Amino acid sequence: MAIHGPLTSAEIAQYHRDGFLIPRFRLSSSELEQLQRLTRKLLADNPHVLDVPIASPHVPGSGTQQVKGDPEWRQVACNVSILDMIEQLIGPDIILWGTTMFYKKPRQGPATPWHRDGFAWPIMPLATTSVWIAAYDSTVENGCLRCIPGSHAKKELGQHDRTRREGKMFSGDLDPSEFDESTARDIELEAGQMVIFDVYTVHGARPNSGAAPRAGYSLRFMPGTSFFNHQSEQDSDEPGFSHTTRPLILVRGQDRTARNDFQRGHPTLV
């Protein structure tokens, strides 16, 4: 059957085989200019949360970080072509349950531990696809993402060590016995490119040893058949991870569970 969306049949097959995909689609020059402008402003307005995940800038004032964001971030997250790709992968009912800016300073940005995202997320059933958009070129030198192909296949989270370690962006190191780092693939991206990956895909990143900053805007989408448990206290003290105030936005279709709370975490709605 022909695929009429932005992903080809081969790209969809690659996503399901490897657990991640760098699509042909990329932001237009004007969309990239918007992303870079928003990134500069976000970093200038929130110097207290650099080198940790900056959660939900698309909903200003949300979460425990009280991030000074901008509603324009939501325009980036709800790019029609991105939503079309997500629909091809998870179906027509799509909930944006979070966005995060990951920024690494030149020559000192921390490493990202090897992990599977789902170890920290109170989503049932656990199903999420993430889109990581490069605001600036992301290279081996400045600590680009690295993924383990096929590591999502068994749909297992594995054992994560929650000890906080200096030089790591957050805690949650996956036990080395759970993956083979020699098979890792460096995800180098030009500004405006993106990688899409599964909730079970093992990924991480080296520290930024280069002269250029690394910044990526990550979008979290779950299908309308999943429930986000705002009552979970898991990781409530981890910077950028607190889930009790996560704002959910139904961006397409329906909430099939009829249980998700779309009021929680929206300062203008509560």
Foldseek 3Di string as FASTA:
>chain_A
DADPAQDGPVQLVQCLQFQKGFGPDFDDPVLLVVLLVQVVVQCVQQVPQALAKDKALCQQLFDPSNGHHHVVVVVSLLPPNVLRVVCVRANFWKKFQIKIKHKAAAQQRFKAAWFQQVVQFQKVPDWKKKKKAWSAWADQQFKAKKWQTRQPVVVDGADWDQDDDPRYNHGTHHPPVSGDCVRIDGDTDHHRIIMMGIRRITMIIHHNRHRDMTMIMMIMMGGLAMEGDLVDCGCCVIVNRRRVQGAMDGSGDHNVVVPHDNQGRRVVRD
